[in-house]
Amino acid sequence: MKIAAIGLGVILFVLSFGLAVHYNQNALNFRADLERERYARLVAEENGERVSGQIRQLETELAKIQKKMAGAQKSLDQSQLANADLQARLEEEAAIRESLEKKMKDLEGALADALKPKEAVTVTEAGAI
């Protein structure tokens, strides 16, 4: 009986030792998983902060670019208005020039007619007419 009790004690001891080793392995694996998860969260948080910083920087650059574009658009609009005004003036000047050239041709024609030698008209012929 003593031998059976010692055998049973040894078996219980071996089983207890095996369970202790098994649960220790599980605890170590759980701790390693926990450390990996903490590291992954830390890396993700750092990446998130870095990306947030980049987003803020890009938003600032976008605001600057939009401000420059607004200035360029305003300048472009002013240039287009000036061009339209100049085009209208040019068309007006072209119309005036054309009118003046027509008047000049009419006056040249009238002057040429005035300078043509007139045929001598006698009084008798004038009376016969």
N, C-alpha and C. Protein backbone atom coordinates (compact mmCIF):
# COMPACT_ATOMS: atom_id res chain seq x y z
N MET A 1 0.78 -1.15 0.00
CA MET A 1 0.00 0.00 0.00
C MET A 1 0.86 1.27 0.00
N LYS A 2 1.91 1.20 0.74
CA LYS A 2 2.82 2.31 0.75
C LYS A 2 3.38 2.55 -0.62
N ILE A 3 3.65 1.50 -1.32
CA ILE A 3 4.22 1.62 -2.66
C ILE A 3 3.18 2.21 -3.59
N ALA A 4 1.95 1.78 -3.43
CA ALA A 4 0.88 2.31 -4.28
C ALA A 4 0.70 3.79 -3.98
N ALA A 5 0.78 4.17 -2.70
CA ALA A 5 0.62 5.57 -2.33
C ALA A 5 1.79 6.38 -2.86
N ILE A 6 3.02 5.83 -2.78
CA ILE A 6 4.18 6.53 -3.31
C ILE A 6 4.06 6.64 -4.82
N GLY A 7 3.63 5.58 -5.49
CA GLY A 7 3.44 5.60 -6.95
C GLY A 7 2.40 6.63 -7.34
N LEU A 8 1.28 6.62 -6.57
CA LEU A 8 0.23 7.59 -6.85
C LEU A 8 0.75 9.00 -6.61
N GLY A 9 1.55 9.20 -5.58
CA GLY A 9 2.13 10.52 -5.28
C GLY A 9 3.07 10.96 -6.39
N VAL A 10 3.89 9.99 -6.89
CA VAL A 10 4.82 10.32 -7.98
C VAL A 10 4.03 10.68 -9.23
N ILE A 11 2.98 9.92 -9.52
CA ILE A 11 2.15 10.20 -10.71
C ILE A 11 1.50 11.57 -10.57
N LEU A 12 0.96 11.86 -9.37
CA LEU A 12 0.35 13.17 -9.16
C LEU A 12 1.38 14.28 -9.27
N PHE A 13 2.58 14.02 -8.75
CA PHE A 13 3.65 15.01 -8.85
C PHE A 13 4.01 15.27 -10.31
N VAL A 14 4.17 14.18 -11.09
CA VAL A 14 4.53 14.32 -12.51
C VAL A 14 3.41 15.05 -13.25
N LEU A 15 2.16 14.67 -12.98
CA LEU A 15 1.03 15.35 -13.63
C LEU A 15 0.99 16.82 -13.24
N SER A 16 1.18 17.11 -11.96
CA SER A 16 1.17 18.50 -11.49
C SER A 16 2.31 19.28 -12.14
N PHE A 17 3.47 18.66 -12.20
CA PHE A 17 4.62 19.32 -12.84
C PHE A 17 4.33 19.57 -14.32
N GLY A 18 3.75 18.58 -15.01
CA GLY A 18 3.39 18.72 -16.43
C GLY A 18 2.38 19.84 -16.63
N LEU A 19 1.36 19.87 -15.76
CA LEU A 19 0.36 20.94 -15.86
C LEU A 19 0.99 22.30 -15.59
N ALA A 20 1.89 22.37 -14.62
CA ALA A 20 2.55 23.64 -14.31
C ALA A 20 3.37 24.11 -15.50
N VAL A 21 4.10 23.19 -16.14
CA VAL A 21 4.90 23.54 -17.32
C VAL A 21 3.98 23.99 -18.45
N HIS A 22 2.88 23.25 -18.65
CA HIS A 22 1.93 23.58 -19.72
C HIS A 22 1.32 24.98 -19.49
N TYR A 23 0.85 25.25 -18.28
CA TYR A 23 0.25 26.55 -18.01
C TYR A 23 1.28 27.66 -18.05
N ASN A 24 2.50 27.36 -17.68
CA ASN A 24 3.58 28.35 -17.78
C ASN A 24 3.83 28.69 -19.25
N GLN A 25 3.85 27.67 -20.11
CA GLN A 25 4.03 27.90 -21.55
C GLN A 25 2.88 28.76 -22.09
N ASN A 26 1.65 28.41 -21.66
CA ASN A 26 0.50 29.21 -22.10
C ASN A 26 0.63 30.66 -21.64
N ALA A 27 1.05 30.87 -20.41
CA ALA A 27 1.21 32.23 -19.89
C ALA A 27 2.29 32.97 -20.67
N LEU A 28 3.41 32.29 -20.97
CA LEU A 28 4.47 32.93 -21.75
C LEU A 28 3.99 33.28 -23.16
N ASN A 29 3.25 32.36 -23.78
CA ASN A 29 2.69 32.65 -25.11
C ASN A 29 1.71 33.82 -25.06
N PHE A 30 0.86 33.83 -24.02
CA PHE A 30 -0.09 34.92 -23.88
C PHE A 30 0.65 36.24 -23.69
N ARG A 31 1.69 36.25 -22.87
CA ARG A 31 2.47 37.46 -22.63
C ARG A 31 3.16 37.92 -23.91
N ALA A 32 3.69 36.97 -24.69
CA ALA A 32 4.34 37.33 -25.96
C ALA A 32 3.31 37.92 -26.93
N ASP A 33 2.12 37.31 -26.98
CA ASP A 33 1.05 37.86 -27.83
C ASP A 33 0.67 39.27 -27.39
N LEU A 34 0.57 39.45 -26.07
CA LEU A 34 0.23 40.76 -25.53
C LEU A 34 1.29 41.79 -25.89
N GLU A 35 2.55 41.43 -25.80
CA GLU A 35 3.64 42.35 -26.16
C GLU A 35 3.60 42.69 -27.65
N ARG A 36 3.33 41.68 -28.49
CA ARG A 36 3.22 41.95 -29.94
C ARG A 36 2.06 42.90 -30.22
N GLU A 37 0.94 42.67 -29.55
CA GLU A 37 -0.22 43.54 -29.75
C GLU A 37 0.09 44.97 -29.29
N ARG A 38 0.74 45.11 -28.15
CA ARG A 38 1.11 46.44 -27.66
C ARG A 38 2.05 47.13 -28.64
N TYR A 39 3.01 46.38 -29.15
CA TYR A 39 3.96 46.95 -30.11
C TYR A 39 3.23 47.37 -31.39
N ALA A 40 2.32 46.50 -31.85
CA ALA A 40 1.56 46.83 -33.07
C ALA A 40 0.71 48.08 -32.85
N ARG A 41 0.09 48.19 -31.68
CA ARG A 41 -0.71 49.39 -31.38
C ARG A 41 0.17 50.63 -31.31
N LEU A 42 1.33 50.49 -30.70
CA LEU A 42 2.25 51.63 -30.60
C LEU A 42 2.70 52.07 -31.99
N VAL A 43 3.05 51.11 -32.84
CA VAL A 43 3.46 51.44 -34.21
C VAL A 43 2.31 52.08 -34.97
N ALA A 44 1.10 51.53 -34.80
CA ALA A 44 -0.06 52.10 -35.49
C ALA A 44 -0.35 53.52 -35.01
N GLU A 45 -0.20 53.75 -33.71
CA GLU A 45 -0.42 55.09 -33.17
C GLU A 45 0.62 56.07 -33.71
N GLU A 46 1.88 55.65 -33.75
CA GLU A 46 2.93 56.52 -34.29
C GLU A 46 2.67 56.82 -35.77
N ASN A 47 2.28 55.78 -36.52
CA ASN A 47 1.96 55.98 -37.94
C ASN A 47 0.77 56.93 -38.09
N GLY A 48 -0.23 56.77 -37.23
CA GLY A 48 -1.39 57.65 -37.27
C GLY A 48 -1.02 59.09 -37.00
N GLU A 49 -0.15 59.30 -36.01
CA GLU A 49 0.30 60.66 -35.70
C GLU A 49 1.11 61.24 -36.87
N ARG A 50 1.97 60.41 -37.45
CA ARG A 50 2.77 60.88 -38.59
C ARG A 50 1.88 61.24 -39.77
N VAL A 51 0.90 60.37 -40.04
CA VAL A 51 -0.02 60.63 -41.15
C VAL A 51 -0.86 61.87 -40.86
N SER A 52 -1.28 62.04 -39.61
CA SER A 52 -2.05 63.24 -39.25
C SER A 52 -1.21 64.50 -39.48
N GLY A 53 0.06 64.43 -39.12
CA GLY A 53 0.95 65.56 -39.37
C GLY A 53 1.10 65.85 -40.85
N GLN A 54 1.23 64.79 -41.63
CA GLN A 54 1.34 64.97 -43.08
C GLN A 54 0.06 65.55 -43.65
N ILE A 55 -1.08 65.10 -43.14
CA ILE A 55 -2.36 65.63 -43.61
C ILE A 55 -2.47 67.11 -43.30
N ARG A 56 -2.09 67.51 -42.08
CA ARG A 56 -2.13 68.93 -41.73
C ARG A 56 -1.21 69.73 -42.63
N GLN A 57 -0.02 69.19 -42.90
CA GLN A 57 0.93 69.88 -43.77
C GLN A 57 0.35 70.01 -45.18
N LEU A 58 -0.24 68.94 -45.70
CA LEU A 58 -0.83 68.99 -47.04
C LEU A 58 -2.02 69.94 -47.10
N GLU A 59 -2.81 69.98 -46.02
CA GLU A 59 -3.93 70.92 -45.99
C GLU A 59 -3.42 72.36 -46.00
N THR A 60 -2.33 72.62 -45.28
CA THR A 60 -1.74 73.96 -45.28
C THR A 60 -1.24 74.32 -46.67
N GLU A 61 -0.56 73.37 -47.32
CA GLU A 61 -0.06 73.61 -48.67
C GLU A 61 -1.22 73.82 -49.64
N LEU A 62 -2.29 73.05 -49.46
CA LEU A 62 -3.47 73.19 -50.31
C LEU A 62 -4.09 74.58 -50.15
N ALA A 63 -4.17 75.05 -48.91
CA ALA A 63 -4.73 76.38 -48.67
C ALA A 63 -3.87 77.45 -49.34
N LYS A 64 -2.54 77.31 -49.26
CA LYS A 64 -1.65 78.27 -49.91
C LYS A 64 -1.84 78.23 -51.42
N ILE A 65 -1.93 77.03 -51.98
CA ILE A 65 -2.09 76.89 -53.43
C ILE A 65 -3.44 77.47 -53.86
N GLN A 66 -4.48 77.22 -53.07
CA GLN A 66 -5.80 77.77 -53.42
C GLN A 66 -5.78 79.29 -53.37
N LYS A 67 -5.05 79.85 -52.40
CA LYS A 67 -4.93 81.30 -52.31
C LYS A 67 -4.21 81.85 -53.53
N LYS A 68 -3.13 81.17 -53.93
CA LYS A 68 -2.41 81.59 -55.13
C LYS A 68 -3.29 81.48 -56.37
N MET A 69 -4.05 80.38 -56.44
CA MET A 69 -4.94 80.19 -57.59
C MET A 69 -6.01 81.27 -57.64
N ALA A 70 -6.52 81.66 -56.48
CA ALA A 70 -7.54 82.71 -56.44
C ALA A 70 -6.93 84.02 -56.95
N GLY A 71 -5.70 84.32 -56.53
CA GLY A 71 -5.02 85.52 -57.02
C GLY A 71 -4.78 85.45 -58.51
N ALA A 72 -4.36 84.29 -58.97
CA ALA A 72 -4.11 84.12 -60.41
C ALA A 72 -5.41 84.23 -61.19
N GLN A 73 -6.49 83.68 -60.65
CA GLN A 73 -7.79 83.76 -61.32
C GLN A 73 -8.26 85.21 -61.38
N LYS A 74 -8.05 85.95 -60.30
CA LYS A 74 -8.43 87.36 -60.28
C LYS A 74 -7.62 88.13 -61.32
N SER A 75 -6.34 87.85 -61.38
CA SER A 75 -5.48 88.49 -62.37
C SER A 75 -5.92 88.12 -63.78
N LEU A 76 -6.24 86.86 -63.98
CA LEU A 76 -6.71 86.41 -65.30
C LEU A 76 -8.01 87.10 -65.68
N ASP A 77 -8.93 87.20 -64.73
CA ASP A 77 -10.20 87.88 -65.01
C ASP A 77 -9.96 89.34 -65.38
N GLN A 78 -9.06 90.00 -64.64
CA GLN A 78 -8.75 91.40 -64.95
C GLN A 78 -8.13 91.50 -66.34
N SER A 79 -7.25 90.58 -66.66
CA SER A 79 -6.61 90.59 -67.98
C SER A 79 -7.66 90.37 -69.07
N GLN A 80 -8.59 89.46 -68.83
CA GLN A 80 -9.63 89.20 -69.82
C GLN A 80 -10.52 90.43 -70.01
N LEU A 81 -10.84 91.11 -68.90
CA LEU A 81 -11.63 92.33 -69.01
C LEU A 81 -10.87 93.40 -69.79
N ALA A 82 -9.58 93.53 -69.49
CA ALA A 82 -8.77 94.51 -70.20
C ALA A 82 -8.69 94.15 -71.68
N ASN A 83 -8.52 92.87 -71.99
CA ASN A 83 -8.47 92.43 -73.38
C ASN A 83 -9.79 92.70 -74.09
N ALA A 84 -10.90 92.44 -73.41
CA ALA A 84 -12.21 92.70 -74.01
C ALA A 84 -12.38 94.19 -74.27
N ASP A 85 -11.95 95.02 -73.32
CA ASP A 85 -12.03 96.47 -73.49
C ASP A 85 -11.16 96.92 -74.66
N LEU A 86 -9.95 96.39 -74.73
CA LEU A 86 -9.06 96.75 -75.83
C LEU A 86 -9.62 96.27 -77.17
N GLN A 87 -10.23 95.09 -77.17
CA GLN A 87 -10.82 94.58 -78.40
C GLN A 87 -11.97 95.49 -78.85
N ALA A 88 -12.79 95.92 -77.90
CA ALA A 88 -13.90 96.82 -78.24
C ALA A 88 -13.36 98.14 -78.79
N ARG A 89 -12.32 98.66 -78.15
CA ARG A 89 -11.71 99.91 -78.63
C ARG A 89 -11.13 99.72 -80.03
N LEU A 90 -10.49 98.59 -80.25
CA LEU A 90 -9.89 98.30 -81.56
C LEU A 90 -10.97 98.24 -82.63
N GLU A 91 -12.07 97.56 -82.32
CA GLU A 91 -13.17 97.49 -83.28
C GLU A 91 -13.75 98.87 -83.55
N GLU A 92 -13.88 99.67 -82.50
CA GLU A 92 -14.40 101.03 -82.67
C GLU A 92 -13.46 101.87 -83.52
N GLU A 93 -12.17 101.75 -83.24
CA GLU A 93 -11.17 102.49 -84.03
C GLU A 93 -11.17 102.03 -85.48
N ALA A 94 -11.35 100.72 -85.71
CA ALA A 94 -11.39 100.21 -87.08
C ALA A 94 -12.60 100.77 -87.81
N ALA A 95 -13.74 100.85 -87.12
CA ALA A 95 -14.94 101.42 -87.75
C ALA A 95 -14.73 102.89 -88.07
N ILE A 96 -14.12 103.63 -87.15
CA ILE A 96 -13.83 105.05 -87.39
C ILE A 96 -12.87 105.19 -88.55
N ARG A 97 -11.86 104.36 -88.58
CA ARG A 97 -10.87 104.43 -89.67
C ARG A 97 -11.54 104.16 -91.01
N GLU A 98 -12.39 103.14 -91.04
CA GLU A 98 -13.08 102.81 -92.28
C GLU A 98 -13.97 103.97 -92.73
N SER A 99 -14.65 104.58 -91.76
CA SER A 99 -15.51 105.74 -92.08
C SER A 99 -14.68 106.90 -92.61
N LEU A 100 -13.53 107.14 -91.96
CA LEU A 100 -12.66 108.24 -92.42
C LEU A 100 -12.09 107.96 -93.80
N GLU A 101 -11.71 106.71 -94.06
CA GLU A 101 -11.19 106.36 -95.38
C GLU A 101 -12.26 106.56 -96.45
N LYS A 102 -13.50 106.22 -96.12
CA LYS A 102 -14.60 106.41 -97.08
C LYS A 102 -14.81 107.90 -97.35
N LYS A 103 -14.80 108.69 -96.28
CA LYS A 103 -14.96 110.15 -96.45
C LYS A 103 -13.80 110.72 -97.26
N MET A 104 -12.58 110.19 -96.99
CA MET A 104 -11.41 110.68 -97.72
C MET A 104 -11.54 110.35 -99.21
N LYS A 105 -12.00 109.16 -99.53
CA LYS A 105 -12.19 108.79 -100.94
C LYS A 105 -13.27 109.66 -101.58
N ASP A 106 -14.34 109.92 -100.84
CA ASP A 106 -15.40 110.78 -101.37
C ASP A 106 -14.86 112.18 -101.63
N LEU A 107 -14.06 112.69 -100.69
CA LEU A 107 -13.49 114.03 -100.87
C LEU A 107 -12.49 114.05 -102.02
N GLU A 108 -11.70 112.97 -102.16
CA GLU A 108 -10.76 112.91 -103.28
C GLU A 108 -11.52 112.89 -104.60
N GLY A 109 -12.62 112.14 -104.64
CA GLY A 109 -13.45 112.11 -105.84
C GLY A 109 -14.04 113.47 -106.13
N ALA A 110 -14.53 114.16 -105.09
CA ALA A 110 -15.11 115.49 -105.28
C ALA A 110 -14.04 116.47 -105.73
N LEU A 111 -12.85 116.35 -105.15
CA LEU A 111 -11.75 117.24 -105.53
C LEU A 111 -11.34 116.98 -106.97
N ALA A 112 -11.30 115.72 -107.36
CA ALA A 112 -10.95 115.38 -108.74
C ALA A 112 -12.00 115.93 -109.70
N ASP A 113 -13.26 115.84 -109.31
CA ASP A 113 -14.32 116.40 -110.15
C ASP A 113 -14.20 117.91 -110.23
N ALA A 114 -13.86 118.52 -109.14
CA ALA A 114 -13.74 119.99 -109.12
C ALA A 114 -12.56 120.44 -109.94
N LEU A 115 -11.51 119.65 -110.01
CA LEU A 115 -10.31 120.05 -110.75
C LEU A 115 -10.37 119.66 -112.21
N LYS A 116 -11.35 118.92 -112.64
CA LYS A 116 -11.46 118.55 -114.05
C LYS A 116 -11.74 119.82 -114.86
N PRO A 117 -11.10 119.92 -116.04
CA PRO A 117 -11.41 121.09 -116.87
C PRO A 117 -12.82 120.95 -117.41
N LYS A 118 -13.57 121.99 -117.22
CA LYS A 118 -14.95 121.96 -117.68
C LYS A 118 -14.99 122.37 -119.14
N GLU A 119 -15.92 121.82 -119.86
CA GLU A 119 -16.06 122.18 -121.27
C GLU A 119 -16.65 123.59 -121.34
N ALA A 120 -16.18 124.28 -122.28
CA ALA A 120 -16.65 125.65 -122.44
C ALA A 120 -18.08 125.63 -122.94
N VAL A 121 -18.88 126.26 -122.23
CA VAL A 121 -20.29 126.32 -122.60
C VAL A 121 -20.55 127.76 -123.06
N THR A 122 -21.01 127.87 -124.26
CA THR A 122 -21.28 129.21 -124.78
C THR A 122 -22.67 129.62 -124.36
N VAL A 123 -22.87 130.90 -124.42
CA VAL A 123 -24.14 131.44 -123.98
C VAL A 123 -25.25 131.00 -124.94
N THR A 124 -24.92 130.92 -126.21
CA THR A 124 -25.94 130.53 -127.17
C THR A 124 -26.34 129.10 -126.95
N GLU A 125 -25.34 128.31 -126.65
CA GLU A 125 -25.66 126.91 -126.41
C GLU A 125 -26.47 126.79 -125.12
N ALA A 126 -26.12 127.61 -124.18
CA ALA A 126 -26.82 127.54 -122.92
C ALA A 126 -28.26 127.97 -123.10
N GLY A 127 -28.46 128.94 -123.95
CA GLY A 127 -29.81 129.41 -124.20
C GLY A 127 -30.60 128.40 -124.98
N ALA A 128 -29.96 127.62 -125.84
CA ALA A 128 -30.65 126.64 -126.64
C ALA A 128 -31.10 125.46 -125.81
N ILE A 129 -30.46 125.31 -124.80
CA ILE A 129 -30.76 124.12 -124.00
C ILE A 129 -32.00 124.32 -123.26
